Amino acid sequence: RRTPGKEREFVAAINWNGGSTYYADSVRGR
């Protein structure tokens, strides 16, 4: 995601088969 004046920020990622995920601390749990 990106807000005006800021760099693009990582939110979440998922691997090819859905078996592994990563989240940014700011969104984990939500």
Full PDB file with SEQRES, HELIX, SHEET, SSBOND, CRYST1, ORIGX, SCALE, CONECT and MASTER records, all heavy atoms in Angstrom:
SEQRES   1 A   30  ARG ARG THR PRO GLY LYS GLU ARG GLU PHE VAL ALA ALA          
SEQRES   2 A   30  ILE ASN TRP ASN GLY GLY SER THR TYR TYR ALA ASP SER          
SEQRES   3 A   30  VAL ARG GLY ARG                                              
SHEET    1 AA1 2 ALA A  12  ILE A  14  0                                        
SHEET    2 AA1 2 THR A  21  TYR A  23 -1                                        
CRYST1    1.000    1.000    1.000  90.00  90.00  90.00 P 1           1          
ORIGX1      1.000000  0.000000  0.000000        0.00000                         
ORIGX2      0.000000  1.000000  0.000000        0.00000                         
ORIGX3      0.000000  0.000000  1.000000        0.00000                         
SCALE1      1.000000  0.000000  0.000000        0.00000                         
SCALE2      0.000000  1.000000  0.000000        0.00000                         
SCALE3      0.000000  0.000000  1.000000        0.00000                         
ATOM      1  N   ARG A   1       0.839  -1.185   0.000  1.00  0.00           N  
ATOM      2  CA  ARG A   1       0.000   0.000   0.000  1.00  0.00           C  
ATOM      3  C   ARG A   1       0.882   1.247   0.000  1.00  0.00           C  
ATOM      4  O   ARG A   1       2.040   1.209   0.422  1.00  0.00           O  
ATOM      5  CB  ARG A   1      -0.946   0.026   1.205  1.00  0.00           C  
ATOM      6  CG  ARG A   1      -0.257   0.115   2.563  1.00  0.00           C  
ATOM      7  CD  ARG A   1      -1.275  -0.076   3.677  1.00  0.00           C  
ATOM      8  NE  ARG A   1      -0.667   0.037   5.000  1.00  0.00           N  
ATOM      9  CZ  ARG A   1      -1.311  -0.231   6.128  1.00  0.00           C  
ATOM     10  NH1 ARG A   1      -2.584  -0.628   6.102  1.00  0.00           N  
ATOM     11  NH2 ARG A   1      -0.690  -0.079   7.293  1.00  0.00           N  
ATOM     12  N   ARG A   2       0.311   2.334  -0.505  1.00  0.00           N  
ATOM     13  CA  ARG A   2       1.047   3.578  -0.554  1.00  0.00           C  
ATOM     14  C   ARG A   2       0.128   4.739  -0.209  1.00  0.00           C  
ATOM     15  O   ARG A   2      -0.992   4.821  -0.724  1.00  0.00           O  
ATOM     16  CB  ARG A   2       1.654   3.800  -1.940  1.00  0.00           C  
ATOM     17  CG  ARG A   2       2.502   5.057  -2.030  1.00  0.00           C  
ATOM     18  CD  ARG A   2       3.348   5.075  -3.263  1.00  0.00           C  
ATOM     19  NE  ARG A   2       2.556   5.058  -4.487  1.00  0.00           N  
ATOM     20  CZ  ARG A   2       3.074   4.878  -5.694  1.00  0.00           C  
ATOM     21  NH1 ARG A   2       4.370   4.702  -5.848  1.00  0.00           N  
ATOM     22  NH2 ARG A   2       2.294   4.885  -6.745  1.00  0.00           N  
ATOM     23  N   THR A   3       0.642   5.607   0.632  1.00  0.00           N  
ATOM     24  CA  THR A   3      -0.035   6.854   0.948  1.00  0.00           C  
ATOM     25  C   THR A   3       0.765   7.995   0.330  1.00  0.00           C  
ATOM     26  O   THR A   3       1.966   7.847   0.082  1.00  0.00           O  
ATOM     27  CB  THR A   3      -0.168   7.049   2.459  1.00  0.00           C  
ATOM     28  OG1 THR A   3       1.144   6.924   3.054  1.00  0.00           O  
ATOM     29  CG2 THR A   3      -1.080   6.005   3.067  1.00  0.00           C  
ATOM     30  N   PRO A   4       0.134   9.142   0.082  1.00  0.00           N  
ATOM     31  CA  PRO A   4       0.831  10.262  -0.567  1.00  0.00           C  
ATOM     32  C   PRO A   4       2.110  10.645   0.162  1.00  0.00           C  
ATOM     33  O   PRO A   4       2.125  10.780   1.388  1.00  0.00           O  
ATOM     34  CB  PRO A   4      -0.203  11.386  -0.534  1.00  0.00           C  
ATOM     35  CG  PRO A   4      -1.513  10.679  -0.528  1.00  0.00           C  
ATOM     36  CD  PRO A   4      -1.292   9.453   0.299  1.00  0.00           C  
ATOM     37  N   GLY A   5       3.166  10.782  -0.591  1.00  0.00           N  
ATOM     38  CA  GLY A   5       4.431  11.213  -0.027  1.00  0.00           C  
ATOM     39  C   GLY A   5       5.254  10.124   0.617  1.00  0.00           C  
ATOM     40  O   GLY A   5       6.332  10.394   1.143  1.00  0.00           O  
ATOM     41  N   LYS A   6       4.750   8.889   0.568  1.00  0.00           N  
ATOM     42  CA  LYS A   6       5.473   7.784   1.197  1.00  0.00           C  
ATOM     43  C   LYS A   6       5.806   6.707   0.184  1.00  0.00           C  
ATOM     44  O   LYS A   6       5.179   6.604  -0.873  1.00  0.00           O  
ATOM     45  CB  LYS A   6       4.663   7.199   2.346  1.00  0.00           C  
ATOM     46  CG  LYS A   6       4.482   8.132   3.523  1.00  0.00           C  
ATOM     47  CD  LYS A   6       3.829   7.403   4.685  1.00  0.00           C  
ATOM     48  CE  LYS A   6       3.698   8.296   5.896  1.00  0.00           C  
ATOM     49  NZ  LYS A   6       3.077   7.585   7.051  1.00  0.00           N  
ATOM     50  N   GLU A   7       6.784   5.889   0.552  1.00  0.00           N  
ATOM     51  CA  GLU A   7       7.129   4.750  -0.290  1.00  0.00           C  
ATOM     52  C   GLU A   7       6.056   3.668  -0.169  1.00  0.00           C  
ATOM     53  O   GLU A   7       5.293   3.622   0.799  1.00  0.00           O  
ATOM     54  CB  GLU A   7       8.478   4.179   0.163  1.00  0.00           C  
ATOM     55  CG  GLU A   7       9.647   5.120   0.001  1.00  0.00           C  
ATOM     56  CD  GLU A   7       9.975   5.352  -1.454  1.00  0.00           C  
ATOM     57  OE1 GLU A   7       9.851   4.404  -2.248  1.00  0.00           O  
ATOM     58  OE2 GLU A   7      10.355   6.487  -1.803  1.00  0.00           O  
ATOM     59  N   ARG A   8       6.037   2.804  -1.178  1.00  0.00           N  
ATOM     60  CA  ARG A   8       5.127   1.671  -1.128  1.00  0.00           C  
ATOM     61  C   ARG A   8       5.516   0.775   0.052  1.00  0.00           C  
ATOM     62  O   ARG A   8       6.683   0.421   0.227  1.00  0.00           O  
ATOM     63  CB  ARG A   8       5.201   0.922  -2.448  1.00  0.00           C  
ATOM     64  CG  ARG A   8       3.977   0.130  -2.792  1.00  0.00           C  
ATOM     65  CD  ARG A   8       4.003  -0.324  -4.236  1.00  0.00           C  
ATOM     66  NE  ARG A   8       3.826   0.771  -5.171  1.00  0.00           N  
ATOM     67  CZ  ARG A   8       3.536   0.597  -6.457  1.00  0.00           C  
ATOM     68  NH1 ARG A   8       3.413  -0.620  -6.950  1.00  0.00           N  
ATOM     69  NH2 ARG A   8       3.405   1.631  -7.248  1.00  0.00           N  
ATOM     70  N   GLU A   9       4.517   0.369   0.849  1.00  0.00           N  
ATOM     71  CA  GLU A   9       4.732  -0.335   2.106  1.00  0.00           C  
ATOM     72  C   GLU A   9       4.195  -1.756   2.010  1.00  0.00           C  
ATOM     73  O   GLU A   9       3.075  -1.974   1.537  1.00  0.00           O  
ATOM     74  CB  GLU A   9       4.002   0.414   3.219  1.00  0.00           C  
ATOM     75  CG  GLU A   9       3.982  -0.276   4.565  1.00  0.00           C  
ATOM     76  CD  GLU A   9       3.015   0.394   5.542  1.00  0.00           C  
ATOM     77  OE1 GLU A   9       1.995   0.938   5.081  1.00  0.00           O  
ATOM     78  OE2 GLU A   9       3.281   0.347   6.746  1.00  0.00           O  
ATOM     79  N   PHE A  10       4.990  -2.703   2.490  1.00  0.00           N  
ATOM     80  CA  PHE A  10       4.565  -4.099   2.516  1.00  0.00           C  
ATOM     81  C   PHE A  10       3.390  -4.292   3.466  1.00  0.00           C  
ATOM     82  O   PHE A  10       3.373  -3.749   4.580  1.00  0.00           O  
ATOM     83  CB  PHE A  10       5.730  -4.974   2.945  1.00  0.00           C  
ATOM     84  CG  PHE A  10       5.355  -6.401   3.220  1.00  0.00           C  
ATOM     85  CD1 PHE A  10       5.089  -7.267   2.169  1.00  0.00           C  
ATOM     86  CD2 PHE A  10       5.250  -6.883   4.517  1.00  0.00           C  
ATOM     87  CE1 PHE A  10       4.742  -8.594   2.414  1.00  0.00           C  
ATOM     88  CE2 PHE A  10       4.900  -8.188   4.775  1.00  0.00           C  
ATOM     89  CZ  PHE A  10       4.644  -9.042   3.719  1.00  0.00           C  
ATOM     90  N   VAL A  11       2.420  -5.095   3.032  1.00  0.00           N  
ATOM     91  CA  VAL A  11       1.264  -5.411   3.873  1.00  0.00           C  
ATOM     92  C   VAL A  11       1.233  -6.908   4.195  1.00  0.00           C  
ATOM     93  O   VAL A  11       1.189  -7.295   5.363  1.00  0.00           O  
ATOM     94  CB  VAL A  11      -0.049  -4.983   3.190  1.00  0.00           C  
ATOM     95  CG1 VAL A  11      -1.256  -5.434   4.010  1.00  0.00           C  
ATOM     96  CG2 VAL A  11      -0.076  -3.482   2.948  1.00  0.00           C  
ATOM     97  N   ALA A  12       1.227  -7.750   3.153  1.00  0.00           N  
ATOM     98  CA  ALA A  12       1.119  -9.193   3.366  1.00  0.00           C  
ATOM     99  C   ALA A  12       1.603  -9.924   2.123  1.00  0.00           C  
ATOM    100  O   ALA A  12       1.605  -9.369   1.028  1.00  0.00           O  
ATOM    101  CB  ALA A  12      -0.318  -9.586   3.677  1.00  0.00           C  
ATOM    102  N   ALA A  13       2.006 -11.178   2.317  1.00  0.00           N  
ATOM    103  CA  ALA A  13       2.431 -12.014   1.200  1.00  0.00           C  
ATOM    104  C   ALA A  13       2.027 -13.455   1.469  1.00  0.00           C  
ATOM    105  O   ALA A  13       1.879 -13.869   2.625  1.00  0.00           O  
ATOM    106  CB  ALA A  13       3.933 -11.909   0.980  1.00  0.00           C  
ATOM    107  N   ILE A  14       1.869 -14.208   0.384  1.00  0.00           N  
ATOM    108  CA  ILE A  14       1.470 -15.607   0.493  1.00  0.00           C  
ATOM    109  C   ILE A  14       2.255 -16.403  -0.540  1.00  0.00           C  
ATOM    110  O   ILE A  14       2.483 -15.927  -1.663  1.00  0.00           O  
ATOM    111  CB  ILE A  14      -0.056 -15.739   0.293  1.00  0.00           C  
ATOM    112  CG1 ILE A  14      -0.540 -17.150   0.604  1.00  0.00           C  
ATOM    113  CG2 ILE A  14      -0.478 -15.304  -1.110  1.00  0.00           C  
ATOM    114  CD1 ILE A  14      -2.059 -17.245   0.740  1.00  0.00           C  
ATOM    115  N   ASN A  15       2.654 -17.616  -0.176  1.00  0.00           N  
ATOM    116  CA  ASN A  15       3.464 -18.382  -1.116  1.00  0.00           C  
ATOM    117  C   ASN A  15       2.589 -19.053  -2.160  1.00  0.00           C  
ATOM    118  O   ASN A  15       1.360 -18.918  -2.158  1.00  0.00           O  
ATOM    119  CB  ASN A  15       4.361 -19.371  -0.386  1.00  0.00           C  
ATOM    120  CG  ASN A  15       3.607 -20.591   0.108  1.00  0.00           C  
ATOM    121  OD1 ASN A  15       2.399 -20.516   0.338  1.00  0.00           O  
ATOM    122  ND2 ASN A  15       4.301 -21.699   0.251  1.00  0.00           N  
ATOM    123  N   TRP A  16       3.191 -19.805  -3.036  1.00  0.00           N  
ATOM    124  CA  TRP A  16       2.510 -20.287  -4.231  1.00  0.00           C  
ATOM    125  C   TRP A  16       1.302 -21.162  -3.935  1.00  0.00           C  
ATOM    126  O   TRP A  16       0.327 -21.153  -4.678  1.00  0.00           O  
ATOM    127  CB  TRP A  16       3.503 -21.040  -5.127  1.00  0.00           C  
ATOM    128  CG  TRP A  16       4.003 -22.313  -4.514  1.00  0.00           C  
ATOM    129  CD1 TRP A  16       5.033 -22.449  -3.626  1.00  0.00           C  
ATOM    130  CD2 TRP A  16       3.482 -23.624  -4.727  1.00  0.00           C  
ATOM    131  NE1 TRP A  16       5.190 -23.752  -3.262  1.00  0.00           N  
ATOM    132  CE2 TRP A  16       4.252 -24.499  -3.927  1.00  0.00           C  
ATOM    133  CE3 TRP A  16       2.453 -24.144  -5.512  1.00  0.00           C  
ATOM    134  CZ2 TRP A  16       4.025 -25.860  -3.896  1.00  0.00           C  
ATOM    135  CZ3 TRP A  16       2.216 -25.505  -5.478  1.00  0.00           C  
ATOM    136  CH2 TRP A  16       3.003 -26.348  -4.671  1.00  0.00           C  
ATOM    137  N   ASN A  17       1.336 -21.914  -2.836  1.00  0.00           N  
ATOM    138  CA  ASN A  17       0.221 -22.823  -2.558  1.00  0.00           C  
ATOM    139  C   ASN A  17      -0.598 -22.401  -1.344  1.00  0.00           C  
ATOM    140  O   ASN A  17      -1.462 -23.157  -0.884  1.00  0.00           O  
ATOM    141  CB  ASN A  17       0.734 -24.247  -2.371  1.00  0.00           C  
ATOM    142  CG  ASN A  17       1.573 -24.402  -1.112  1.00  0.00           C  
ATOM    143  OD1 ASN A  17       1.845 -23.436  -0.398  1.00  0.00           O  
ATOM    144  ND2 ASN A  17       1.988 -25.618  -0.837  1.00  0.00           N  
ATOM    145  N   GLY A  18      -0.329 -21.220  -0.833  1.00  0.00           N  
ATOM    146  CA  GLY A  18      -1.098 -20.724   0.301  1.00  0.00           C  
ATOM    147  C   GLY A  18      -0.658 -21.269   1.640  1.00  0.00           C  
ATOM    148  O   GLY A  18      -1.276 -20.959   2.661  1.00  0.00           O  
ATOM    149  N   GLY A  19       0.412 -22.030   1.661  1.00  0.00           N  
ATOM    150  CA  GLY A  19       0.831 -22.676   2.893  1.00  0.00           C  
ATOM    151  C   GLY A  19       1.675 -21.819   3.811  1.00  0.00           C  
ATOM    152  O   GLY A  19       1.942 -22.216   4.949  1.00  0.00           O  
ATOM    153  N   SER A  20       2.085 -20.683   3.342  1.00  0.00           N  
ATOM    154  CA  SER A  20       2.927 -19.804   4.143  1.00  0.00           C  
ATOM    155  C   SER A  20       2.530 -18.358   3.885  1.00  0.00           C  
ATOM    156  O   SER A  20       2.265 -17.984   2.732  1.00  0.00           O  
ATOM    157  CB  SER A  20       4.393 -20.009   3.774  1.00  0.00           C  
ATOM    158  OG  SER A  20       5.238 -19.161   4.535  1.00  0.00           O  
ATOM    159  N   THR A  21       2.500 -17.566   4.944  1.00  0.00           N  
ATOM    160  CA  THR A  21       2.135 -16.158   4.815  1.00  0.00           C  
ATOM    161  C   THR A  21       3.046 -15.285   5.680  1.00  0.00           C  
ATOM    162  O   THR A  21       3.599 -15.744   6.684  1.00  0.00           O  
ATOM    163  CB  THR A  21       0.677 -15.900   5.249  1.00  0.00           C  
ATOM    164  OG1 THR A  21       0.507 -16.370   6.598  1.00  0.00           O  
ATOM    165  CG2 THR A  21      -0.314 -16.610   4.336  1.00  0.00           C  
ATOM    166  N   TYR A  22       3.188 -14.036   5.254  1.00  0.00           N  
ATOM    167  CA  TYR A  22       3.877 -13.015   6.042  1.00  0.00           C  
ATOM    168  C   TYR A  22       2.939 -11.820   6.179  1.00  0.00           C  
ATOM    169  O   TYR A  22       2.172 -11.529   5.266  1.00  0.00           O  
ATOM    170  CB  TYR A  22       5.142 -12.525   5.338  1.00  0.00           C  
ATOM    171  CG  TYR A  22       6.312 -13.467   5.347  1.00  0.00           C  
ATOM    172  CD1 TYR A  22       7.287 -13.392   4.335  1.00  0.00           C  
ATOM    173  CD2 TYR A  22       6.504 -14.409   6.338  1.00  0.00           C  
ATOM    174  CE1 TYR A  22       8.374 -14.223   4.323  1.00  0.00           C  
ATOM    175  CE2 TYR A  22       7.598 -15.255   6.336  1.00  0.00           C  
ATOM    176  CZ  TYR A  22       8.536 -15.157   5.320  1.00  0.00           C  
ATOM    177  OH  TYR A  22       9.625 -15.992   5.307  1.00  0.00           O  
ATOM    178  N   TYR A  23       3.065 -11.114   7.292  1.00  0.00           N  
ATOM    179  CA  TYR A  23       2.287  -9.896   7.499  1.00  0.00           C  
ATOM    180  C   TYR A  23       3.176  -8.799   8.065  1.00  0.00           C  
ATOM    181  O   TYR A  23       4.101  -9.067   8.834  1.00  0.00           O  
ATOM    182  CB  TYR A  23       1.140 -10.138   8.478  1.00  0.00           C  
ATOM    183  CG  TYR A  23       0.080 -11.074   7.958  1.00  0.00           C  
ATOM    184  CD1 TYR A  23       0.109 -12.424   8.248  1.00  0.00           C  
ATOM    185  CD2 TYR A  23      -0.955 -10.589   7.150  1.00  0.00           C  
ATOM    186  CE1 TYR A  23      -0.851 -13.288   7.757  1.00  0.00           C  
ATOM    187  CE2 TYR A  23      -1.928 -11.451   6.653  1.00  0.00           C  
ATOM    188  CZ  TYR A  23      -1.864 -12.796   6.970  1.00  0.00           C  
ATOM    189  OH  TYR A  23      -2.816 -13.639   6.474  1.00  0.00           O  
ATOM    190  N   ALA A  24       2.844  -7.574   7.717  1.00  0.00           N  
ATOM    191  CA  ALA A  24       3.461  -6.440   8.400  1.00  0.00           C  
ATOM    192  C   ALA A  24       2.937  -6.383   9.828  1.00  0.00           C  
ATOM    193  O   ALA A  24       1.783  -6.754  10.097  1.00  0.00           O  
ATOM    194  CB  ALA A  24       3.126  -5.146   7.663  1.00  0.00           C  
ATOM    195  N   ASP A  25       3.761  -5.897  10.726  1.00  0.00           N  
ATOM    196  CA  ASP A  25       3.339  -5.816  12.130  1.00  0.00           C  
ATOM    197  C   ASP A  25       2.080  -4.966  12.288  1.00  0.00           C  
ATOM    198  O   ASP A  25       1.247  -5.235  13.152  1.00  0.00           O  
ATOM    199  CB  ASP A  25       4.468  -5.219  12.978  1.00  0.00           C  
ATOM    200  CG  ASP A  25       5.638  -6.165  13.126  1.00  0.00           C  
ATOM    201  OD1 ASP A  25       5.478  -7.381  12.869  1.00  0.00           O  
ATOM    202  OD2 ASP A  25       6.731  -5.686  13.491  1.00  0.00           O  
ATOM    203  N   SER A  26       1.943  -3.963  11.455  1.00  0.00           N  
ATOM    204  CA  SER A  26       0.825  -3.028  11.583  1.00  0.00           C  
ATOM    205  C   SER A  26      -0.526  -3.642  11.238  1.00  0.00           C  
ATOM    206  O   SER A  26      -1.565  -3.074  11.599  1.00  0.00           O  
ATOM    207  CB  SER A  26       1.071  -1.807  10.694  1.00  0.00           C  
ATOM    208  OG  SER A  26       1.213  -2.202   9.343  1.00  0.00           O  
ATOM    209  N   VAL A  27      -0.521  -4.779  10.543  1.00  0.00           N  
ATOM    210  CA  VAL A  27      -1.796  -5.375  10.128  1.00  0.00           C  
ATOM    211  C   VAL A  27      -1.996  -6.786  10.685  1.00  0.00           C  
ATOM    212  O   VAL A  27      -3.094  -7.346  10.559  1.00  0.00           O  
ATOM    213  CB  VAL A  27      -1.922  -5.418   8.588  1.00  0.00           C  
ATOM    214  CG1 VAL A  27      -1.700  -4.031   7.996  1.00  0.00           C  
ATOM    215  CG2 VAL A  27      -0.982  -6.439   7.958  1.00  0.00           C  
ATOM    216  N   ARG A  28      -0.966  -7.346  11.294  1.00  0.00           N  
ATOM    217  CA  ARG A  28      -1.074  -8.721  11.791  1.00  0.00           C  
ATOM    218  C   ARG A  28      -2.195  -8.816  12.817  1.00  0.00           C  
ATOM    219  O   ARG A  28      -2.327  -8.002  13.715  1.00  0.00           O  
ATOM    220  CB  ARG A  28       0.246  -9.162  12.416  1.00  0.00           C  
ATOM    221  CG  ARG A  28       0.263 -10.636  12.818  1.00  0.00           C  
ATOM    222  CD  ARG A  28       1.620 -11.075  13.335  1.00  0.00           C  
ATOM    223  NE  ARG A  28       2.613 -11.063  12.276  1.00  0.00           N  
ATOM    224  CZ  ARG A  28       3.620 -10.218  12.238  1.00  0.00           C  
ATOM    225  NH1 ARG A  28       3.769  -9.291  13.168  1.00  0.00           N  
ATOM    226  NH2 ARG A  28       4.492 -10.281  11.253  1.00  0.00           N  
ATOM    227  N   GLY A  29      -3.035  -9.843  12.637  1.00  0.00           N  
ATOM    228  CA  GLY A  29      -4.176 -10.019  13.524  1.00  0.00           C  
ATOM    229  C   GLY A  29      -5.438  -9.319  13.044  1.00  0.00           C  
ATOM    230  O   GLY A  29      -6.532  -9.579  13.562  1.00  0.00           O  
ATOM    231  N   ARG A  30      -5.306  -8.428  12.056  1.00  0.00           N  
ATOM    232  CA  ARG A  30      -6.471  -7.721  11.508  1.00  0.00           C  
ATOM    233  C   ARG A  30      -6.705  -8.061  10.039  1.00  0.00           C  
ATOM    234  O   ARG A  30      -7.859  -8.093   9.594  1.00  0.00           O  
ATOM    235  CB  ARG A  30      -6.293  -6.204  11.639  1.00  0.00           C  
ATOM    236  CG  ARG A  30      -6.117  -5.707  13.057  1.00  0.00           C  
ATOM    237  CD  ARG A  30      -6.112  -4.179  13.109  1.00  0.00           C  
ATOM    238  NE  ARG A  30      -5.028  -3.574  12.352  1.00  0.00           N  
ATOM    239  CZ  ARG A  30      -5.206  -2.749  11.311  1.00  0.00           C  
ATOM    240  NH1 ARG A  30      -6.426  -2.427  10.910  1.00  0.00           N  
ATOM    241  NH2 ARG A  30      -4.151  -2.230  10.687  1.00  0.00           N  
TER     242      ARG A  30                                                      
MASTER        0    0    0    0    2    0    0    6  241    1    0    3          
END                                                                             
